[in-house]
Amino acid sequence: MKKASSDYPNLEHQRQRLLQQLSPLQEVRRGSLTEQFLMVKHSDGSRVRRGPYPLLTRKEGKKTVSLRLSDPALVPLYRRQIQAMREFETVVDQLVRVGEQLSDLAVAEVVQKKTPGGTGTNRRGTSSGRRIGGQADA
C-alpha cells in the first residue's frame, strides 16, 4: 500500500516523539542478570549448594562474557540500566521503521515527478540502452 504525502506530517511527528523518548535513557547496559548457584564439595565429601550469586551476562562477538556482581546493593541499579537498554532498542527499532516510511515517501515523490509525458524531455530521443532498474528498452 502506498503512503500519501499527507502522511508525512504524521510520520515526522512520530519521529520527533520517538527522539524525545530516547533523551532520558542515559544509563543503558547490554546483557541480562541471572542467578548463579555453585556446588561446593567439603573435605568430608558432602556437597553444599551456595548462592544465589547475581551474574551479569552479555554477548561480545560470538562469546558470552559473565561478571559476578559482588555487591548485592548494585543489582537494582543494573536491572534499571538493562531495562533502559531494552527500551532504547525498542524505540530505535520504531525510529528505523518510521525512517523507512519517510524514505518511501521521498522516493514516491521523486517517482511521481518523473511520470511519462511530464515536462522533462530526453534531448537524445529514445535510447536503446539500459534504464534504471536494469531493463533494456523493448
N, C-alpha and C. Protein backbone atom coordinates (compact mmCIF):
# COMPACT_ATOMS: atom_id res chain seq x y z
N MET A 1 0.85 -1.18 0.00
CA MET A 1 0.00 0.00 0.00
C MET A 1 0.89 1.24 0.00
N LYS A 2 0.59 2.19 -0.88
CA LYS A 2 1.37 3.42 -0.98
C LYS A 2 0.91 4.42 0.06
N LYS A 3 1.86 5.09 0.65
CA LYS A 3 1.56 6.15 1.60
C LYS A 3 1.39 7.45 0.85
N ALA A 4 0.40 8.21 1.22
CA ALA A 4 0.19 9.52 0.60
C ALA A 4 1.13 10.52 1.24
N SER A 5 1.48 11.57 0.49
CA SER A 5 2.38 12.58 1.05
C SER A 5 1.73 13.30 2.22
N SER A 6 0.40 13.14 2.38
CA SER A 6 -0.27 13.73 3.54
C SER A 6 0.12 13.01 4.83
N ASP A 7 0.72 11.81 4.71
CA ASP A 7 1.19 11.07 5.89
C ASP A 7 2.49 11.64 6.44
N TYR A 8 3.17 12.46 5.65
CA TYR A 8 4.47 12.98 6.04
C TYR A 8 4.43 13.71 7.39
N PRO A 9 3.50 14.66 7.61
CA PRO A 9 3.49 15.35 8.91
C PRO A 9 3.27 14.38 10.08
N ASN A 10 2.40 13.39 9.90
CA ASN A 10 2.15 12.42 10.96
C ASN A 10 3.41 11.60 11.25
N LEU A 11 4.10 11.16 10.21
CA LEU A 11 5.33 10.39 10.41
C LEU A 11 6.42 11.24 11.05
N GLU A 12 6.52 12.49 10.64
CA GLU A 12 7.52 13.38 11.23
C GLU A 12 7.21 13.62 12.71
N HIS A 13 5.92 13.74 13.05
CA HIS A 13 5.52 13.88 14.45
C HIS A 13 5.91 12.62 15.24
N GLN A 14 5.66 11.45 14.68
CA GLN A 14 6.05 10.19 15.34
C GLN A 14 7.56 10.15 15.55
N ARG A 15 8.31 10.57 14.54
CA ARG A 15 9.77 10.57 14.63
C ARG A 15 10.25 11.47 15.77
N GLN A 16 9.68 12.67 15.86
CA GLN A 16 10.06 13.60 16.93
C GLN A 16 9.71 13.03 18.31
N ARG A 17 8.55 12.40 18.41
CA ARG A 17 8.12 11.79 19.69
C ARG A 17 9.10 10.68 20.09
N LEU A 18 9.52 9.86 19.13
CA LEU A 18 10.46 8.78 19.43
C LEU A 18 11.82 9.33 19.85
N LEU A 19 12.27 10.39 19.17
CA LEU A 19 13.54 11.00 19.55
C LEU A 19 13.48 11.55 20.97
N GLN A 20 12.34 12.10 21.36
CA GLN A 20 12.18 12.61 22.73
C GLN A 20 12.22 11.47 23.75
N GLN A 21 11.73 10.29 23.35
CA GLN A 21 11.76 9.14 24.26
C GLN A 21 13.18 8.65 24.51
N LEU A 22 14.08 8.89 23.57
CA LEU A 22 15.47 8.47 23.74
C LEU A 22 16.24 9.35 24.72
N SER A 23 15.86 10.60 24.80
CA SER A 23 16.61 11.58 25.58
C SER A 23 16.84 11.17 27.05
N PRO A 24 15.84 10.70 27.79
CA PRO A 24 16.09 10.38 29.19
C PRO A 24 16.84 9.07 29.42
N LEU A 25 17.06 8.29 28.39
CA LEU A 25 17.72 6.99 28.55
C LEU A 25 19.24 7.18 28.53
N GLN A 26 19.79 7.59 29.67
CA GLN A 26 21.22 7.89 29.75
C GLN A 26 22.04 6.67 30.15
N GLU A 27 21.60 5.98 31.18
CA GLU A 27 22.34 4.82 31.67
C GLU A 27 21.75 3.56 31.06
N VAL A 28 22.44 3.00 30.08
CA VAL A 28 21.97 1.79 29.42
C VAL A 28 23.07 0.73 29.53
N ARG A 29 22.64 -0.52 29.67
CA ARG A 29 23.60 -1.61 29.80
C ARG A 29 23.10 -2.83 29.04
N ARG A 30 23.97 -3.40 28.19
CA ARG A 30 23.63 -4.62 27.48
C ARG A 30 23.75 -5.82 28.43
N GLY A 31 22.98 -6.85 28.12
CA GLY A 31 23.10 -8.08 28.88
C GLY A 31 21.86 -8.39 29.69
N SER A 32 22.01 -9.36 30.57
CA SER A 32 20.92 -9.73 31.46
C SER A 32 21.49 -10.23 32.77
N LEU A 33 20.66 -10.17 33.79
CA LEU A 33 21.06 -10.63 35.11
C LEU A 33 20.45 -12.01 35.37
N THR A 34 21.28 -12.90 35.84
CA THR A 34 20.81 -14.22 36.23
C THR A 34 21.37 -14.54 37.60
N GLU A 35 20.90 -15.65 38.16
CA GLU A 35 21.43 -16.09 39.44
C GLU A 35 22.30 -17.31 39.22
N GLN A 36 23.47 -17.31 39.85
CA GLN A 36 24.39 -18.43 39.72
C GLN A 36 24.44 -19.17 41.05
N PHE A 37 24.37 -20.48 40.97
CA PHE A 37 24.50 -21.34 42.14
C PHE A 37 25.73 -22.22 41.94
N LEU A 38 26.47 -22.46 43.00
CA LEU A 38 27.66 -23.30 42.93
C LEU A 38 27.50 -24.50 43.88
N MET A 39 27.98 -25.64 43.42
CA MET A 39 28.03 -26.82 44.27
C MET A 39 29.45 -26.91 44.84
N VAL A 40 29.56 -26.89 46.15
CA VAL A 40 30.85 -26.92 46.82
C VAL A 40 31.00 -28.26 47.53
N LYS A 41 32.14 -28.86 47.35
CA LYS A 41 32.41 -30.16 47.99
C LYS A 41 33.30 -29.92 49.22
N HIS A 42 32.81 -30.37 50.36
CA HIS A 42 33.58 -30.23 51.60
C HIS A 42 34.59 -31.36 51.69
N SER A 43 35.54 -31.22 52.63
CA SER A 43 36.59 -32.23 52.81
C SER A 43 36.02 -33.59 53.23
N ASP A 44 34.86 -33.59 53.88
CA ASP A 44 34.26 -34.87 54.30
C ASP A 44 33.47 -35.53 53.15
N GLY A 45 33.47 -34.88 51.97
CA GLY A 45 32.79 -35.45 50.81
C GLY A 45 31.36 -34.95 50.62
N SER A 46 30.81 -34.24 51.59
CA SER A 46 29.44 -33.72 51.44
C SER A 46 29.45 -32.54 50.47
N ARG A 47 28.33 -32.39 49.82
CA ARG A 47 28.20 -31.31 48.83
C ARG A 47 27.15 -30.32 49.34
N VAL A 48 27.46 -29.04 49.13
CA VAL A 48 26.56 -27.97 49.56
C VAL A 48 26.34 -27.02 48.39
N ARG A 49 25.12 -26.58 48.24
CA ARG A 49 24.80 -25.62 47.18
C ARG A 49 24.95 -24.22 47.75
N ARG A 50 25.75 -23.39 47.09
CA ARG A 50 25.97 -22.00 47.52
C ARG A 50 25.32 -21.05 46.51
N GLY A 51 24.84 -19.94 47.02
CA GLY A 51 24.26 -18.95 46.12
C GLY A 51 22.90 -18.54 46.61
N PRO A 52 22.17 -17.81 45.88
CA PRO A 52 22.47 -17.37 44.51
C PRO A 52 23.42 -16.17 44.50
N TYR A 53 24.23 -16.14 43.47
CA TYR A 53 25.12 -15.02 43.22
C TYR A 53 24.62 -14.30 41.96
N PRO A 54 24.45 -12.97 42.03
CA PRO A 54 23.99 -12.25 40.83
C PRO A 54 25.10 -12.25 39.77
N LEU A 55 24.69 -12.57 38.53
CA LEU A 55 25.63 -12.68 37.43
C LEU A 55 25.13 -11.88 36.24
N LEU A 56 25.96 -10.96 35.76
CA LEU A 56 25.64 -10.19 34.56
C LEU A 56 26.27 -10.92 33.38
N THR A 57 25.47 -11.25 32.38
CA THR A 57 26.00 -11.91 31.18
C THR A 57 25.63 -11.09 29.96
N ARG A 58 26.54 -11.08 28.98
CA ARG A 58 26.27 -10.39 27.71
C ARG A 58 27.15 -11.01 26.63
N LYS A 59 26.73 -10.80 25.40
CA LYS A 59 27.48 -11.31 24.25
C LYS A 59 28.50 -10.27 23.81
N GLU A 60 29.70 -10.73 23.56
CA GLU A 60 30.74 -9.91 22.93
C GLU A 60 31.24 -10.72 21.75
N GLY A 61 30.77 -10.34 20.57
CA GLY A 61 31.08 -11.13 19.38
C GLY A 61 30.33 -12.46 19.47
N LYS A 62 31.07 -13.55 19.37
CA LYS A 62 30.45 -14.87 19.46
C LYS A 62 30.57 -15.47 20.85
N LYS A 63 31.18 -14.74 21.77
CA LYS A 63 31.38 -15.26 23.12
C LYS A 63 30.42 -14.62 24.11
N THR A 64 30.09 -15.37 25.14
CA THR A 64 29.30 -14.85 26.25
C THR A 64 30.26 -14.49 27.38
N VAL A 65 30.16 -13.26 27.84
CA VAL A 65 31.01 -12.77 28.91
C VAL A 65 30.16 -12.62 30.16
N SER A 66 30.67 -13.09 31.28
CA SER A 66 29.93 -13.01 32.54
C SER A 66 30.73 -12.25 33.58
N LEU A 67 30.01 -11.55 34.43
CA LEU A 67 30.62 -10.80 35.52
C LEU A 67 29.76 -11.02 36.77
N ARG A 68 30.38 -11.55 37.82
CA ARG A 68 29.64 -11.73 39.06
C ARG A 68 29.63 -10.41 39.82
N LEU A 69 28.44 -9.99 40.23
CA LEU A 69 28.30 -8.73 40.98
C LEU A 69 28.55 -9.04 42.45
N SER A 70 29.62 -8.47 42.98
CA SER A 70 30.00 -8.77 44.36
C SER A 70 29.16 -8.00 45.38
N ASP A 71 28.59 -6.88 44.97
CA ASP A 71 27.78 -6.07 45.88
C ASP A 71 26.30 -6.21 45.53
N PRO A 72 25.53 -6.92 46.35
CA PRO A 72 24.10 -7.12 46.04
C PRO A 72 23.31 -5.81 45.97
N ALA A 73 23.81 -4.74 46.56
CA ALA A 73 23.12 -3.46 46.51
C ALA A 73 23.13 -2.88 45.10
N LEU A 74 24.04 -3.36 44.25
CA LEU A 74 24.12 -2.86 42.87
C LEU A 74 23.12 -3.53 41.93
N VAL A 75 22.54 -4.63 42.35
CA VAL A 75 21.63 -5.39 41.48
C VAL A 75 20.47 -4.53 40.97
N PRO A 76 19.77 -3.77 41.83
CA PRO A 76 18.67 -2.93 41.30
C PRO A 76 19.14 -1.90 40.27
N LEU A 77 20.33 -1.34 40.47
CA LEU A 77 20.88 -0.37 39.51
C LEU A 77 21.13 -1.06 38.16
N TYR A 78 21.74 -2.22 38.20
CA TYR A 78 21.99 -2.97 36.96
C TYR A 78 20.67 -3.33 36.28
N ARG A 79 19.66 -3.72 37.04
CA ARG A 79 18.35 -4.06 36.46
C ARG A 79 17.74 -2.86 35.74
N ARG A 80 17.82 -1.67 36.36
CA ARG A 80 17.29 -0.46 35.72
C ARG A 80 18.05 -0.15 34.43
N GLN A 81 19.36 -0.28 34.46
CA GLN A 81 20.17 0.00 33.28
C GLN A 81 19.87 -0.98 32.15
N ILE A 82 19.67 -2.24 32.48
CA ILE A 82 19.34 -3.26 31.47
C ILE A 82 17.95 -2.98 30.90
N GLN A 83 17.00 -2.62 31.75
CA GLN A 83 15.65 -2.28 31.29
C GLN A 83 15.69 -1.05 30.38
N ALA A 84 16.51 -0.06 30.73
CA ALA A 84 16.64 1.14 29.89
C ALA A 84 17.22 0.76 28.53
N MET A 85 18.13 -0.20 28.49
CA MET A 85 18.69 -0.64 27.20
C MET A 85 17.61 -1.30 26.35
N ARG A 86 16.75 -2.08 26.97
CA ARG A 86 15.67 -2.73 26.22
C ARG A 86 14.69 -1.69 25.67
N GLU A 87 14.39 -0.67 26.47
CA GLU A 87 13.53 0.42 25.99
C GLU A 87 14.22 1.16 24.83
N PHE A 88 15.51 1.40 24.96
CA PHE A 88 16.29 2.06 23.91
C PHE A 88 16.19 1.27 22.61
N GLU A 89 16.40 -0.03 22.68
CA GLU A 89 16.34 -0.87 21.48
C GLU A 89 14.96 -0.84 20.84
N THR A 90 13.91 -0.85 21.66
CA THR A 90 12.54 -0.82 21.14
C THR A 90 12.27 0.50 20.42
N VAL A 91 12.66 1.61 21.05
CA VAL A 91 12.43 2.93 20.45
C VAL A 91 13.24 3.08 19.16
N VAL A 92 14.48 2.61 19.16
CA VAL A 92 15.32 2.72 17.96
C VAL A 92 14.72 1.88 16.83
N ASP A 93 14.19 0.70 17.15
CA ASP A 93 13.54 -0.12 16.12
C ASP A 93 12.35 0.63 15.52
N GLN A 94 11.54 1.26 16.37
CA GLN A 94 10.40 2.04 15.87
C GLN A 94 10.88 3.23 15.04
N LEU A 95 11.96 3.86 15.48
CA LEU A 95 12.52 5.01 14.77
C LEU A 95 12.99 4.59 13.37
N VAL A 96 13.60 3.43 13.26
CA VAL A 96 14.03 2.93 11.96
C VAL A 96 12.82 2.68 11.06
N ARG A 97 11.76 2.11 11.62
CA ARG A 97 10.55 1.85 10.82
C ARG A 97 9.94 3.15 10.29
N VAL A 98 9.87 4.17 11.15
CA VAL A 98 9.34 5.47 10.72
C VAL A 98 10.26 6.08 9.67
N GLY A 99 11.57 5.96 9.88
CA GLY A 99 12.53 6.48 8.92
C GLY A 99 12.40 5.81 7.55
N GLU A 100 12.13 4.51 7.56
CA GLU A 100 11.92 3.80 6.29
C GLU A 100 10.65 4.28 5.59
N GLN A 101 9.60 4.54 6.36
CA GLN A 101 8.36 5.05 5.77
C GLN A 101 8.57 6.44 5.18
N LEU A 102 9.33 7.29 5.91
CA LEU A 102 9.65 8.62 5.39
C LEU A 102 10.49 8.50 4.12
N SER A 103 11.40 7.55 4.10
CA SER A 103 12.22 7.32 2.90
C SER A 103 11.36 6.87 1.73
N ASP A 104 10.39 5.99 1.99
CA ASP A 104 9.48 5.54 0.93
C ASP A 104 8.69 6.72 0.36
N LEU A 105 8.26 7.64 1.22
CA LEU A 105 7.54 8.82 0.75
C LEU A 105 8.43 9.69 -0.13
N ALA A 106 9.70 9.85 0.27
CA ALA A 106 10.63 10.66 -0.51
C ALA A 106 10.86 10.03 -1.88
N VAL A 107 10.99 8.71 -1.94
CA VAL A 107 11.18 8.02 -3.22
C VAL A 107 9.93 8.16 -4.07
N ALA A 108 8.75 7.99 -3.47
CA ALA A 108 7.49 8.10 -4.21
C ALA A 108 7.33 9.51 -4.79
N GLU A 109 7.79 10.51 -4.05
CA GLU A 109 7.69 11.89 -4.53
C GLU A 109 8.57 12.10 -5.76
N VAL A 110 9.77 11.54 -5.76
CA VAL A 110 10.66 11.66 -6.91
C VAL A 110 10.09 10.91 -8.10
N VAL A 111 9.57 9.72 -7.86
CA VAL A 111 8.98 8.92 -8.94
C VAL A 111 7.78 9.64 -9.54
N GLN A 112 6.98 10.27 -8.70
CA GLN A 112 5.78 10.99 -9.17
C GLN A 112 6.19 12.15 -10.07
N LYS A 113 7.29 12.81 -9.77
CA LYS A 113 7.75 13.93 -10.58
C LYS A 113 8.27 13.47 -11.94
N LYS A 114 8.64 12.20 -12.05
CA LYS A 114 9.21 11.68 -13.30
C LYS A 114 8.21 10.81 -14.05
N THR A 115 6.95 11.19 -14.04
CA THR A 115 5.94 10.40 -14.76
C THR A 115 6.08 10.59 -16.25
N PRO A 116 5.77 9.55 -17.06
CA PRO A 116 5.85 9.68 -18.52
C PRO A 116 4.93 10.79 -19.02
N GLY A 117 5.39 11.51 -20.04
CA GLY A 117 4.60 12.60 -20.61
C GLY A 117 4.70 13.86 -19.78
N GLY A 118 5.59 13.87 -18.82
CA GLY A 118 5.76 15.05 -17.98
C GLY A 118 6.53 16.12 -18.72
N THR A 119 6.98 17.14 -18.00
CA THR A 119 7.67 18.26 -18.63
C THR A 119 9.10 17.92 -19.00
N GLY A 120 9.69 16.92 -18.38
CA GLY A 120 11.06 16.57 -18.71
C GLY A 120 11.12 15.80 -20.02
N THR A 121 12.04 16.21 -20.92
CA THR A 121 12.17 15.51 -22.20
C THR A 121 13.58 14.99 -22.34
N ASN A 122 13.72 13.94 -23.12
CA ASN A 122 15.02 13.36 -23.39
C ASN A 122 15.54 14.02 -24.67
N ARG A 123 16.59 14.76 -24.60
CA ARG A 123 17.11 15.50 -25.76
C ARG A 123 17.63 14.58 -26.85
N ARG A 124 18.04 13.40 -26.50
CA ARG A 124 18.62 12.49 -27.48
C ARG A 124 17.57 11.55 -28.06
N GLY A 125 16.34 11.72 -27.71
CA GLY A 125 15.30 10.81 -28.21
C GLY A 125 15.32 9.53 -27.42
N THR A 126 14.64 8.52 -27.93
CA THR A 126 14.59 7.25 -27.21
C THR A 126 15.92 6.54 -27.34
N SER A 127 16.32 5.95 -26.26
CA SER A 127 17.59 5.26 -26.20
C SER A 127 17.36 3.77 -26.17
N SER A 128 18.24 3.01 -26.80
CA SER A 128 18.13 1.56 -26.73
C SER A 128 19.01 1.01 -25.62
N GLY A 129 19.58 1.90 -24.83
CA GLY A 129 20.44 1.47 -23.72
C GLY A 129 19.62 1.04 -22.52
N ARG A 130 20.31 0.83 -21.44
CA ARG A 130 19.64 0.37 -20.22
C ARG A 130 19.10 1.55 -19.44
N ARG A 131 17.98 1.30 -18.77
CA ARG A 131 17.37 2.30 -17.90
C ARG A 131 17.60 1.90 -16.45
N ILE A 132 17.23 2.78 -15.55
CA ILE A 132 17.34 2.47 -14.13
C ILE A 132 16.51 1.24 -13.85
N GLY A 133 17.07 0.33 -13.11
CA GLY A 133 16.38 -0.92 -12.83
C GLY A 133 16.93 -2.05 -13.68
N GLY A 134 17.78 -1.74 -14.64
CA GLY A 134 18.47 -2.75 -15.41
C GLY A 134 17.67 -3.31 -16.58
N GLN A 135 16.54 -2.74 -16.94
CA GLN A 135 15.73 -3.25 -18.05
C GLN A 135 16.08 -2.49 -19.33
N ALA A 136 16.29 -3.22 -20.42
CA ALA A 136 16.56 -2.58 -21.71
C ALA A 136 15.25 -2.21 -22.38
N ASP A 137 15.31 -1.19 -23.25
CA ASP A 137 14.09 -0.82 -24.00
C ASP A 137 13.70 -1.96 -24.92
N ALA A 138 12.40 -2.14 -25.08
CA ALA A 138 11.92 -3.22 -25.97
C ALA A 138 11.48 -2.68 -27.28
